[in-house]
């Protein structure tokens, strides 16, 4: 079921109002681009850890590490 045009406009306006005060937003960047891609970079801190650490233990999420731990009774 598709949303209507009014719904899409509402959500775009909502995100614009919310992201105007974002710490990553600067005036030299388009606000419309910032709605779609809110972060400026994909460095080690901001990006996906698997891109930098491969499939090692340090690249796994907290949820994956908890799942692999044996249950303690």
PDB file of N, CA and C in Angstrom:
ATOM      1  N   UNK A   1       0.852  -1.168   0.000  1.00  0.00           N
ATOM      2  CA  UNK A   1       0.000   0.000   0.000  1.00  0.00           C
ATOM      3  C   UNK A   1       0.902   1.236   0.000  1.00  0.00           C
ATOM      4  N   UNK A   2       0.727   2.098  -0.941  1.00  0.00           N
ATOM      5  CA  UNK A   2       1.579   3.272  -1.047  1.00  0.00           C
ATOM      6  C   UNK A   2       1.002   4.431  -0.240  1.00  0.00           C
ATOM      7  N   UNK A   3       1.923   5.221   0.266  1.00  0.00           N
ATOM      8  CA  UNK A   3       1.497   6.416   0.977  1.00  0.00           C
ATOM      9  C   UNK A   3       1.150   7.473  -0.057  1.00  0.00           C
ATOM     10  N   UNK A   4       0.368   8.410   0.342  1.00  0.00           N
ATOM     11  CA  UNK A   4      -0.016   9.469  -0.566  1.00  0.00           C
ATOM     12  C   UNK A   4       1.040  10.552  -0.670  1.00  0.00           C
ATOM     13  N   UNK A   5       0.843  11.457  -1.600  1.00  0.00           N
ATOM     14  CA  UNK A   5       1.768  12.562  -1.800  1.00  0.00           C
ATOM     15  C   UNK A   5       1.805  13.445  -0.552  1.00  0.00           C
ATOM     16  N   UNK A   6       0.667  13.659   0.060  1.00  0.00           N
ATOM     17  CA  UNK A   6       0.611  14.491   1.261  1.00  0.00           C
ATOM     18  C   UNK A   6       1.441  13.886   2.393  1.00  0.00           C
ATOM     19  N   UNK A   7       1.398  12.572   2.521  1.00  0.00           N
ATOM     20  CA  UNK A   7       2.176  11.908   3.554  1.00  0.00           C
ATOM     21  C   UNK A   7       3.671  12.057   3.289  1.00  0.00           C
ATOM     22  N   UNK A   8       4.082  11.901   2.032  1.00  0.00           N
ATOM     23  CA  UNK A   8       5.489  12.067   1.685  1.00  0.00           C
ATOM     24  C   UNK A   8       5.951  13.490   1.959  1.00  0.00           C
ATOM     25  N   UNK A   9       5.144  14.462   1.625  1.00  0.00           N
ATOM     26  CA  UNK A   9       5.495  15.862   1.881  1.00  0.00           C
ATOM     27  C   UNK A   9       5.588  16.137   3.376  1.00  0.00           C
ATOM     28  N   UNK A  10       4.667  15.570   4.131  1.00  0.00           N
ATOM     29  CA  UNK A  10       4.676  15.744   5.580  1.00  0.00           C
ATOM     30  C   UNK A  10       5.972  15.222   6.184  1.00  0.00           C
ATOM     31  N   UNK A  11       6.375  14.009   5.799  1.00  0.00           N
ATOM     32  CA  UNK A  11       7.578  13.413   6.368  1.00  0.00           C
ATOM     33  C   UNK A  11       8.835  14.158   5.923  1.00  0.00           C
ATOM     34  N   UNK A  12       8.857  14.649   4.693  1.00  0.00           N
ATOM     35  CA  UNK A  12      10.009  15.410   4.241  1.00  0.00           C
ATOM     36  C   UNK A  12      10.125  16.716   5.020  1.00  0.00           C
ATOM     37  N   UNK A  13       9.013  17.388   5.252  1.00  0.00           N
ATOM     38  CA  UNK A  13       9.031  18.631   6.034  1.00  0.00           C
ATOM     39  C   UNK A  13       9.428  18.351   7.477  1.00  0.00           C
ATOM     40  N   UNK A  14       8.947  17.248   8.028  1.00  0.00           N
ATOM     41  CA  UNK A  14       9.280  16.874   9.397  1.00  0.00           C
ATOM     42  C   UNK A  14      10.780  16.634   9.539  1.00  0.00           C
ATOM     43  N   UNK A  15      11.371  15.921   8.572  1.00  0.00           N
ATOM     44  CA  UNK A  15      12.803  15.667   8.628  1.00  0.00           C
ATOM     45  C   UNK A  15      13.608  16.944   8.421  1.00  0.00           C
ATOM     46  N   UNK A  16      13.140  17.835   7.553  1.00  0.00           N
ATOM     47  CA  UNK A  16      13.838  19.107   7.353  1.00  0.00           C
ATOM     48  C   UNK A  16      13.871  19.903   8.642  1.00  0.00           C
ATOM     49  N   UNK A  17      12.733  20.004   9.321  1.00  0.00           N
ATOM     50  CA  UNK A  17      12.668  20.762  10.566  1.00  0.00           C
ATOM     51  C   UNK A  17      13.546  20.138  11.644  1.00  0.00           C
ATOM     52  N   UNK A  18      13.612  18.823  11.661  1.00  0.00           N
ATOM     53  CA  UNK A  18      14.383  18.128  12.682  1.00  0.00           C
ATOM     54  C   UNK A  18      15.886  18.232  12.424  1.00  0.00           C
ATOM     55  N   UNK A  19      16.277  18.134  11.156  1.00  0.00           N
ATOM     56  CA  UNK A  19      17.704  18.088  10.832  1.00  0.00           C
ATOM     57  C   UNK A  19      18.337  19.454  10.616  1.00  0.00           C
ATOM     58  N   UNK A  20      17.564  20.523  10.675  1.00  0.00           N
ATOM     59  CA  UNK A  20      18.155  21.861  10.601  1.00  0.00           C
ATOM     60  C   UNK A  20      19.053  22.112  11.795  1.00  0.00           C
ATOM     61  N   UNK A  21      18.734  21.527  12.932  1.00  0.00           N
ATOM     62  CA  UNK A  21      19.500  21.724  14.163  1.00  0.00           C
ATOM     63  C   UNK A  21      20.501  20.607  14.415  1.00  0.00           C
ATOM     64  N   UNK A  22      20.703  19.737  13.438  1.00  0.00           N
ATOM     65  CA  UNK A  22      21.614  18.614  13.572  1.00  0.00           C
ATOM     66  C   UNK A  22      23.061  19.107  13.583  1.00  0.00           C
ATOM     67  N   UNK A  23      23.937  18.451  14.341  1.00  0.00           N
ATOM     68  CA  UNK A  23      25.331  18.895  14.420  1.00  0.00           C
ATOM     69  C   UNK A  23      26.085  18.642  13.122  1.00  0.00           C
ATOM     70  N   UNK A  24      25.622  17.734  12.277  1.00  0.00           N
ATOM     71  CA  UNK A  24      26.310  17.432  11.028  1.00  0.00           C
ATOM     72  C   UNK A  24      25.891  18.354   9.890  1.00  0.00           C
ATOM     73  N   UNK A  25      24.855  19.149  10.078  1.00  0.00           N
ATOM     74  CA  UNK A  25      24.358  19.995   8.994  1.00  0.00           C
ATOM     75  C   UNK A  25      25.120  21.303   8.952  1.00  0.00           C
ATOM     76  N   UNK A  26      25.585  21.680   7.758  1.00  0.00           N
ATOM     77  CA  UNK A  26      26.241  22.960   7.521  1.00  0.00           C
ATOM     78  C   UNK A  26      25.524  23.648   6.384  1.00  0.00           C
ATOM     79  N   UNK A  27      25.597  24.953   6.353  1.00  0.00           N
ATOM     80  CA  UNK A  27      24.873  25.725   5.343  1.00  0.00           C
ATOM     81  C   UNK A  27      25.364  25.449   3.929  1.00  0.00           C
ATOM     82  N   UNK A  28      26.651  25.034   3.766  1.00  0.00           N
ATOM     83  CA  UNK A  28      27.147  24.814   2.408  1.00  0.00           C
ATOM     84  C   UNK A  28      26.590  23.543   1.774  1.00  0.00           C
ATOM     85  N   UNK A  29      26.020  22.656   2.582  1.00  0.00           N
ATOM     86  CA  UNK A  29      25.404  21.449   2.048  1.00  0.00           C
ATOM     87  C   UNK A  29      23.908  21.657   1.878  1.00  0.00           C
ATOM     88  N   UNK A  30      23.360  20.992   0.901  1.00  0.00           N
ATOM     89  CA  UNK A  30      21.931  21.081   0.661  1.00  0.00           C
ATOM     90  C   UNK A  30      21.170  20.371   1.782  1.00  0.00           C
ATOM     91  N   UNK A  31      20.120  21.003   2.260  1.00  0.00           N
ATOM     92  CA  UNK A  31      19.310  20.382   3.312  1.00  0.00           C
ATOM     93  C   UNK A  31      18.609  19.142   2.775  1.00  0.00           C
ATOM     94  N   UNK A  32      18.211  19.167   1.503  1.00  0.00           N
ATOM     95  CA  UNK A  32      17.575  17.988   0.908  1.00  0.00           C
ATOM     96  C   UNK A  32      18.524  16.797   0.871  1.00  0.00           C
ATOM     97  N   UNK A  33      19.810  17.046   0.589  1.00  0.00           N
ATOM     98  CA  UNK A  33      20.784  15.957   0.595  1.00  0.00           C
ATOM     99  C   UNK A  33      21.001  15.457   2.018  1.00  0.00           C
ATOM    100  N   UNK A  34      20.966  16.353   2.976  1.00  0.00           N
ATOM    101  CA  UNK A  34      21.167  15.970   4.378  1.00  0.00           C
ATOM    102  C   UNK A  34      20.011  15.122   4.900  1.00  0.00           C
ATOM    103  N   UNK A  35      18.837  15.277   4.344  1.00  0.00           N
ATOM    104  CA  UNK A  35      17.701  14.443   4.747  1.00  0.00           C
ATOM    105  C   UNK A  35      17.947  12.996   4.343  1.00  0.00           C
ATOM    106  N   UNK A  36      18.482  12.801   3.140  1.00  0.00           N
ATOM    107  CA  UNK A  36      18.702  11.449   2.625  1.00  0.00           C
ATOM    108  C   UNK A  36      19.935  10.817   3.252  1.00  0.00           C
ATOM    109  N   UNK A  37      21.026  11.572   3.358  1.00  0.00           N
ATOM    110  CA  UNK A  37      22.276  11.064   3.923  1.00  0.00           C
ATOM    111  C   UNK A  37      22.690  11.969   5.073  1.00  0.00           C
ATOM    112  N   UNK A  38      22.256  11.693   6.308  1.00  0.00           N
ATOM    113  CA  UNK A  38      22.479  12.607   7.419  1.00  0.00           C
ATOM    114  C   UNK A  38      23.931  12.727   7.876  1.00  0.00           C
ATOM    115  N   UNK A  39      24.774  11.729   7.676  1.00  0.00           N
ATOM    116  CA  UNK A  39      26.155  11.844   8.122  1.00  0.00           C
ATOM    117  C   UNK A  39      27.032  12.366   7.002  1.00  0.00           C
ATOM    118  N   UNK A  40      28.103  13.050   7.363  1.00  0.00           N
ATOM    119  CA  UNK A  40      29.006  13.617   6.370  1.00  0.00           C
ATOM    120  C   UNK A  40      30.040  12.619   5.880  1.00  0.00           C
ATOM    121  N   UNK A  41      30.406  11.671   6.710  1.00  0.00           N
ATOM    122  CA  UNK A  41      31.511  10.794   6.335  1.00  0.00           C
ATOM    123  C   UNK A  41      31.164   9.340   6.635  1.00  0.00           C
ATOM    124  N   UNK A  42      32.074   8.472   6.258  1.00  0.00           N
ATOM    125  CA  UNK A  42      31.923   7.055   6.592  1.00  0.00           C
ATOM    126  C   UNK A  42      33.230   6.568   7.195  1.00  0.00           C
ATOM    127  N   UNK A  43      33.780   7.335   8.123  1.00  0.00           N
ATOM    128  CA  UNK A  43      35.042   6.977   8.767  1.00  0.00           C
ATOM    129  C   UNK A  43      34.817   5.796   9.720  1.00  0.00           C
ATOM    130  N   UNK A  44      35.841   5.422  10.436  1.00  0.00           N
ATOM    131  CA  UNK A  44      35.766   4.281  11.342  1.00  0.00           C
ATOM    132  C   UNK A  44      34.700   4.498  12.409  1.00  0.00           C
ATOM    133  N   UNK A  45      34.550   5.719  12.883  1.00  0.00           N
ATOM    134  CA  UNK A  45      33.586   6.005  13.937  1.00  0.00           C
ATOM    135  C   UNK A  45      32.163   6.001  13.383  1.00  0.00           C
ATOM    136  N   UNK A  46      31.961   6.609  12.213  1.00  0.00           N
ATOM    137  CA  UNK A  46      30.615   6.770  11.657  1.00  0.00           C
ATOM    138  C   UNK A  46      30.166   5.595  10.794  1.00  0.00           C
ATOM    139  N   UNK A  47      31.095   4.884  10.195  1.00  0.00           N
ATOM    140  CA  UNK A  47      30.753   3.887   9.183  1.00  0.00           C
ATOM    141  C   UNK A  47      30.509   2.500   9.734  1.00  0.00           C
ATOM    142  N   UNK A  48      30.353   1.572   8.818  1.00  0.00           N
ATOM    143  CA  UNK A  48      30.101   0.182   9.143  1.00  0.00           C
ATOM    144  C   UNK A  48      31.405  -0.466   9.603  1.00  0.00           C
ATOM    145  N   UNK A  49      31.448  -1.085  10.800  1.00  0.00           N
ATOM    146  CA  UNK A  49      32.702  -1.658  11.285  1.00  0.00           C
ATOM    147  C   UNK A  49      33.213  -2.812  10.435  1.00  0.00           C
ATOM    148  N   UNK A  50      32.332  -3.520   9.738  1.00  0.00           N
ATOM    149  CA  UNK A  50      32.789  -4.640   8.917  1.00  0.00           C
ATOM    150  C   UNK A  50      33.605  -4.178   7.721  1.00  0.00           C
ATOM    151  N   UNK A  51      33.403  -2.953   7.316  1.00  0.00           N
ATOM    152  CA  UNK A  51      34.188  -2.408   6.214  1.00  0.00           C
ATOM    153  C   UNK A  51      35.648  -2.254   6.618  1.00  0.00           C
ATOM    154  N   UNK A  52      35.891  -1.972   7.888  1.00  0.00           N
ATOM    155  CA  UNK A  52      37.245  -1.693   8.353  1.00  0.00           C
ATOM    156  C   UNK A  52      37.893  -2.871   9.058  1.00  0.00           C
ATOM    157  N   UNK A  53      37.106  -3.703   9.728  1.00  0.00           N
ATOM    158  CA  UNK A  53      37.668  -4.791  10.515  1.00  0.00           C
ATOM    159  C   UNK A  53      37.362  -6.170   9.934  1.00  0.00           C
ATOM    160  N   UNK A  54      36.703  -6.252   8.816  1.00  0.00           N
ATOM    161  CA  UNK A  54      36.366  -7.545   8.233  1.00  0.00           C
ATOM    162  C   UNK A  54      35.355  -8.292   9.081  1.00  0.00           C
ATOM    163  N   UNK A  55      35.481  -9.603   9.151  1.00  0.00           N
ATOM    164  CA  UNK A  55      34.541 -10.410   9.944  1.00  0.00           C
ATOM    165  C   UNK A  55      35.157 -10.850  11.261  1.00  0.00           C
ATOM    166  N   UNK A  56      36.054 -10.046  11.803  1.00  0.00           N
ATOM    167  CA  UNK A  56      36.675 -10.392  13.075  1.00  0.00           C
ATOM    168  C   UNK A  56      35.703 -10.130  14.224  1.00  0.00           C
ATOM    169  N   UNK A  57      36.128 -10.481  15.433  1.00  0.00           N
ATOM    170  CA  UNK A  57      35.263 -10.301  16.599  1.00  0.00           C
ATOM    171  C   UNK A  57      34.961  -8.827  16.853  1.00  0.00           C
ATOM    172  N   UNK A  58      35.917  -7.948  16.559  1.00  0.00           N
ATOM    173  CA  UNK A  58      35.703  -6.529  16.818  1.00  0.00           C
ATOM    174  C   UNK A  58      34.712  -5.899  15.843  1.00  0.00           C
ATOM    175  N   UNK A  59      34.394  -6.585  14.760  1.00  0.00           N
ATOM    176  CA  UNK A  59      33.453  -6.024  13.798  1.00  0.00           C
ATOM    177  C   UNK A  59      32.015  -6.432  14.078  1.00  0.00           C
ATOM    178  N   UNK A  60      31.814  -7.332  15.007  1.00  0.00           N
ATOM    179  CA  UNK A  60      30.463  -7.808  15.277  1.00  0.00           C
ATOM    180  C   UNK A  60      29.724  -6.840  16.187  1.00  0.00           C
ATOM    181  N   UNK A  61      28.422  -6.797  16.019  1.00  0.00           N
ATOM    182  CA  UNK A  61      27.594  -5.926  16.834  1.00  0.00           C
ATOM    183  C   UNK A  61      27.421  -6.529  18.226  1.00  0.00           C
ATOM    184  N   UNK A  62      26.959  -5.729  19.150  1.00  0.00           N
ATOM    185  CA  UNK A  62      26.738  -6.193  20.518  1.00  0.00           C
ATOM    186  C   UNK A  62      25.703  -7.310  20.532  1.00  0.00           C
ATOM    187  N   UNK A  63      24.684  -7.181  19.697  1.00  0.00           N
ATOM    188  CA  UNK A  63      23.648  -8.207  19.641  1.00  0.00           C
ATOM    189  C   UNK A  63      24.224  -9.538  19.164  1.00  0.00           C
ATOM    190  N   UNK A  64      25.122  -9.510  18.172  1.00  0.00           N
ATOM    191  CA  UNK A  64      25.733 -10.747  17.680  1.00  0.00           C
ATOM    192  C   UNK A  64      26.655 -11.359  18.724  1.00  0.00           C
ATOM    193  N   UNK A  65      27.378 -10.537  19.459  1.00  0.00           N
ATOM    194  CA  UNK A  65      28.257 -11.067  20.499  1.00  0.00           C
ATOM    195  C   UNK A  65      27.456 -11.711  21.629  1.00  0.00           C
ATOM    196  N   UNK A  66      26.334 -11.118  21.990  1.00  0.00           N
ATOM    197  CA  UNK A  66      25.477 -11.709  23.032  1.00  0.00           C
ATOM    198  C   UNK A  66      24.899 -13.036  22.585  1.00  0.00           C
ATOM    199  N   UNK A  67      24.543 -13.145  21.319  1.00  0.00           N
ATOM    200  CA  UNK A  67      23.951 -14.369  20.795  1.00  0.00           C
ATOM    201  C   UNK A  67      24.960 -15.514  20.827  1.00  0.00           C
ATOM    202  N   UNK A  68      26.230 -15.195  20.590  1.00  0.00           N
ATOM    203  CA  UNK A  68      27.257 -16.234  20.546  1.00  0.00           C
ATOM    204  C   UNK A  68      27.709 -16.700  21.934  1.00  0.00           C
ATOM    205  N   UNK A  69      27.456 -15.897  22.976  1.00  0.00           N
ATOM    206  CA  UNK A  69      27.882 -16.276  24.318  1.00  0.00           C
ATOM    207  C   UNK A  69      27.047 -17.445  24.819  1.00  0.00           C
ATOM    208  N   UNK A  70      27.679 -18.392  25.511  1.00  0.00           N
ATOM    209  CA  UNK A  70      26.887 -19.470  26.089  1.00  0.00           C
ATOM    210  C   UNK A  70      26.040 -18.937  27.249  1.00  0.00           C
ATOM    211  N   UNK A  71      24.864 -19.485  27.385  1.00  0.00           N
ATOM    212  CA  UNK A  71      23.971 -19.025  28.448  1.00  0.00           C
ATOM    213  C   UNK A  71      24.482 -19.503  29.799  1.00  0.00           C
ATOM    214  N   UNK A  72      24.519 -18.576  30.740  1.00  0.00           N
ATOM    215  CA  UNK A  72      24.946 -18.907  32.092  1.00  0.00           C
ATOM    216  C   UNK A  72      23.721 -19.126  32.952  1.00  0.00           C
ATOM    217  N   UNK A  73      23.731 -20.169  33.721  1.00  0.00           N
ATOM    218  CA  UNK A  73      22.582 -20.470  34.564  1.00  0.00           C
ATOM    219  C   UNK A  73      22.846 -20.139  35.998  1.00  0.00           C
TER     220      UNK A  73
END
